[in-house]
Amino acid sequence: MLLYLRTRSACINAATLALADAGIPMRDIVTSCCAGYLCSTPLLDLNYVEDSAGGPDVTVGMLVRMDKVTLLQMDAKLPIEIFENVMQLAIEGCKAIGQYIREVRKVFFFSCFFLCLFEPSLPKLSGTFREHKETRVHERQLEY
């Protein structure tokens, strides 16, 4: 059961990246993050030891730009004051992950764009990021 709870956020984030990489249009990206409460301290992104200690944790999924929570899962009771702090920490984690995903996608897009501009042998940008990545990998394999 612990493995399932810890991997939910990773699966949501991976699915978002896969959809974006496939070129699926989305209104916003969905990100997810987990936060917990252990030894009177709110913790972000619990590791196995922290999660196994048995403290309560909250998993939040959200549409970052729209600032809407799409998933809220908690496995134990928490006083409302502590819950608000832990949930806010998880929301901040979701926003940080969303910012990171956007930056990585932007860097990857521009690297593909400039690669196509300065290497005329490559096909022009059309299609998904994956197609351009696979084209470049295939060309490198042919060079060797």
Protein backbone atom coordinates (compact mmCIF):
# COMPACT_ATOMS: atom_id res chain seq x y z
CA MET A 1 0.00 0.00 0.00
CA LEU A 2 2.84 2.43 0.76
CA LEU A 3 4.31 1.97 -2.70
CA TYR A 4 0.96 2.88 -4.27
CA LEU A 5 0.64 6.06 -2.22
CA ARG A 6 4.18 7.23 -2.96
CA THR A 7 3.99 6.64 -6.71
CA ARG A 8 0.66 8.35 -7.41
CA SER A 9 2.26 11.79 -7.81
CA ALA A 10 5.04 10.43 -9.99
CA CYS A 11 2.50 8.72 -12.27
CA ILE A 12 0.43 11.90 -12.65
CA ASN A 13 3.51 13.97 -13.49
CA ALA A 14 4.76 11.32 -15.93
CA ALA A 15 1.37 11.20 -17.66
CA THR A 16 1.41 14.99 -18.05
CA LEU A 17 4.87 14.85 -19.62
CA ALA A 18 3.82 12.03 -21.94
CA LEU A 19 0.74 13.93 -23.14
CA ALA A 20 2.76 17.10 -23.69
CA ASP A 21 5.48 15.19 -25.53
CA ALA A 22 2.87 13.55 -27.76
CA GLY A 23 1.57 16.99 -28.73
CA ILE A 24 -1.85 16.50 -27.13
CA PRO A 25 -3.41 19.95 -26.63
CA MET A 26 -4.20 20.66 -22.98
CA ARG A 27 -5.72 23.71 -21.30
CA ASP A 28 -3.19 23.39 -18.52
CA ILE A 29 -0.73 20.84 -17.23
CA VAL A 30 -1.65 18.67 -14.26
CA THR A 31 1.01 18.26 -11.61
CA SER A 32 0.97 16.37 -8.35
CA CYS A 33 2.97 16.44 -5.15
CA CYS A 34 2.79 14.83 -1.73
CA ALA A 35 3.40 16.46 1.64
CA GLY A 36 3.27 14.96 5.09
CA TYR A 37 3.49 15.77 8.77
CA LEU A 38 6.10 14.06 10.91
CA CYS A 39 7.55 15.03 14.31
CA SER A 40 5.60 18.32 14.32
CA THR A 41 7.11 19.31 10.97
CA PRO A 42 5.43 19.59 7.57
CA LEU A 43 7.54 17.79 4.94
CA LEU A 44 7.39 17.99 1.15
CA ASP A 45 7.82 14.92 -1.09
CA LEU A 46 8.16 12.22 1.54
CA ASN A 47 10.79 9.55 1.03
CA TYR A 48 10.28 5.90 1.99
CA VAL A 49 11.55 6.27 5.57
CA GLU A 50 9.39 9.35 6.26
CA ASP A 51 6.33 7.74 4.69
CA SER A 52 6.89 4.46 6.55
CA ALA A 53 7.00 6.29 9.91
CA GLY A 54 3.22 6.42 9.78
CA GLY A 55 2.60 10.15 9.83
CA PRO A 56 -0.31 11.58 7.87
CA ASP A 57 0.30 12.65 4.29
CA VAL A 58 -1.64 14.63 1.71
CA THR A 59 -1.43 14.13 -2.04
CA VAL A 60 -2.48 17.10 -4.13
CA GLY A 61 -2.95 17.26 -7.88
CA MET A 62 -3.62 20.58 -9.53
CA LEU A 63 -3.93 22.55 -12.74
CA VAL A 64 -1.12 24.99 -12.09
CA ARG A 65 -2.00 27.99 -14.27
CA MET A 66 -5.69 27.74 -13.43
CA ASP A 67 -4.78 27.34 -9.75
CA LYS A 68 -7.39 24.60 -9.31
CA VAL A 69 -6.98 21.50 -7.17
CA THR A 70 -8.00 18.39 -9.09
CA LEU A 71 -6.96 15.73 -6.58
CA LEU A 72 -6.86 15.74 -2.81
CA GLN A 73 -6.13 12.53 -0.96
CA MET A 74 -5.33 12.19 2.73
CA ASP A 75 -4.79 8.94 4.59
CA ALA A 76 -5.22 10.11 8.20
CA LYS A 77 -6.92 12.78 10.27
CA LEU A 78 -5.19 16.09 10.87
CA PRO A 79 -6.27 19.16 12.82
CA ILE A 80 -7.45 21.84 10.36
CA GLU A 81 -4.55 24.21 11.09
CA ILE A 82 -1.96 21.54 10.38
CA PHE A 83 -3.90 20.29 7.35
CA GLU A 84 -3.92 23.79 5.83
CA ASN A 85 -0.14 24.09 6.29
CA VAL A 86 0.56 20.65 4.81
CA MET A 87 -1.83 21.21 1.90
CA GLN A 88 -0.27 24.62 1.15
CA LEU A 89 3.16 22.99 1.13
CA ALA A 90 1.93 20.36 -1.36
CA ILE A 91 0.38 23.10 -3.54
CA GLU A 92 3.69 24.97 -3.59
CA GLY A 93 5.37 21.71 -4.61
CA CYS A 94 2.88 21.31 -7.48
CA LYS A 95 3.59 24.86 -8.65
CA ALA A 96 7.35 24.25 -8.53
CA ILE A 97 6.97 21.04 -10.55
CA GLY A 98 4.76 22.86 -13.06
CA GLN A 99 7.35 25.62 -13.48
CA TYR A 100 10.09 23.03 -13.95
CA ILE A 101 8.07 21.12 -16.58
CA ARG A 102 7.40 24.35 -18.51
CA GLU A 103 11.08 25.34 -18.44
CA VAL A 104 12.25 21.91 -19.60
CA ARG A 105 9.70 21.84 -22.43
CA LYS A 106 10.65 25.38 -23.48
CA VAL A 107 14.38 24.56 -23.55
CA PHE A 108 13.71 21.36 -25.48
CA PHE A 109 11.45 23.13 -27.99
CA PHE A 110 13.95 25.91 -28.64
CA SER A 111 16.85 23.48 -28.94
CA CYS A 112 14.87 21.52 -31.56
CA PHE A 113 13.88 24.76 -33.30
CA PHE A 114 17.44 26.11 -33.53
CA LEU A 115 18.79 22.69 -34.45
CA CYS A 116 16.41 22.63 -37.41
CA LEU A 117 17.33 26.21 -38.38
CA PHE A 118 21.07 25.66 -38.44
CA GLU A 119 21.11 22.12 -39.80
CA PRO A 120 19.24 22.23 -43.12
CA SER A 121 19.45 18.46 -43.51
CA LEU A 122 16.91 18.03 -40.70
CA PRO A 123 13.19 18.19 -41.44
CA LYS A 124 11.35 21.42 -40.57
CA LEU A 125 9.48 21.59 -37.27
CA SER A 126 6.13 19.90 -37.66
CA GLY A 127 4.71 17.26 -35.40
CA THR A 128 5.62 16.46 -31.84
CA PHE A 129 8.77 16.85 -29.80
CA ARG A 130 9.17 13.07 -29.79
CA GLU A 131 9.30 12.92 -33.60
CA HIS A 132 12.10 15.48 -33.69
CA LYS A 133 13.96 13.73 -30.90
CA GLU A 134 13.68 10.36 -32.67
CA THR A 135 14.78 11.89 -35.98
CA ARG A 136 17.90 13.34 -34.37
CA VAL A 137 18.72 10.09 -32.56
CA HIS A 138 18.26 8.11 -35.79
CA GLU A 139 20.55 10.49 -37.71
CA ARG A 140 23.24 10.20 -35.04
CA GLN A 141 23.05 6.40 -35.26
CA LEU A 142 23.54 6.59 -39.04
CA GLU A 143 26.62 8.82 -38.62
CA TYR A 144 28.44 6.13 -36.62
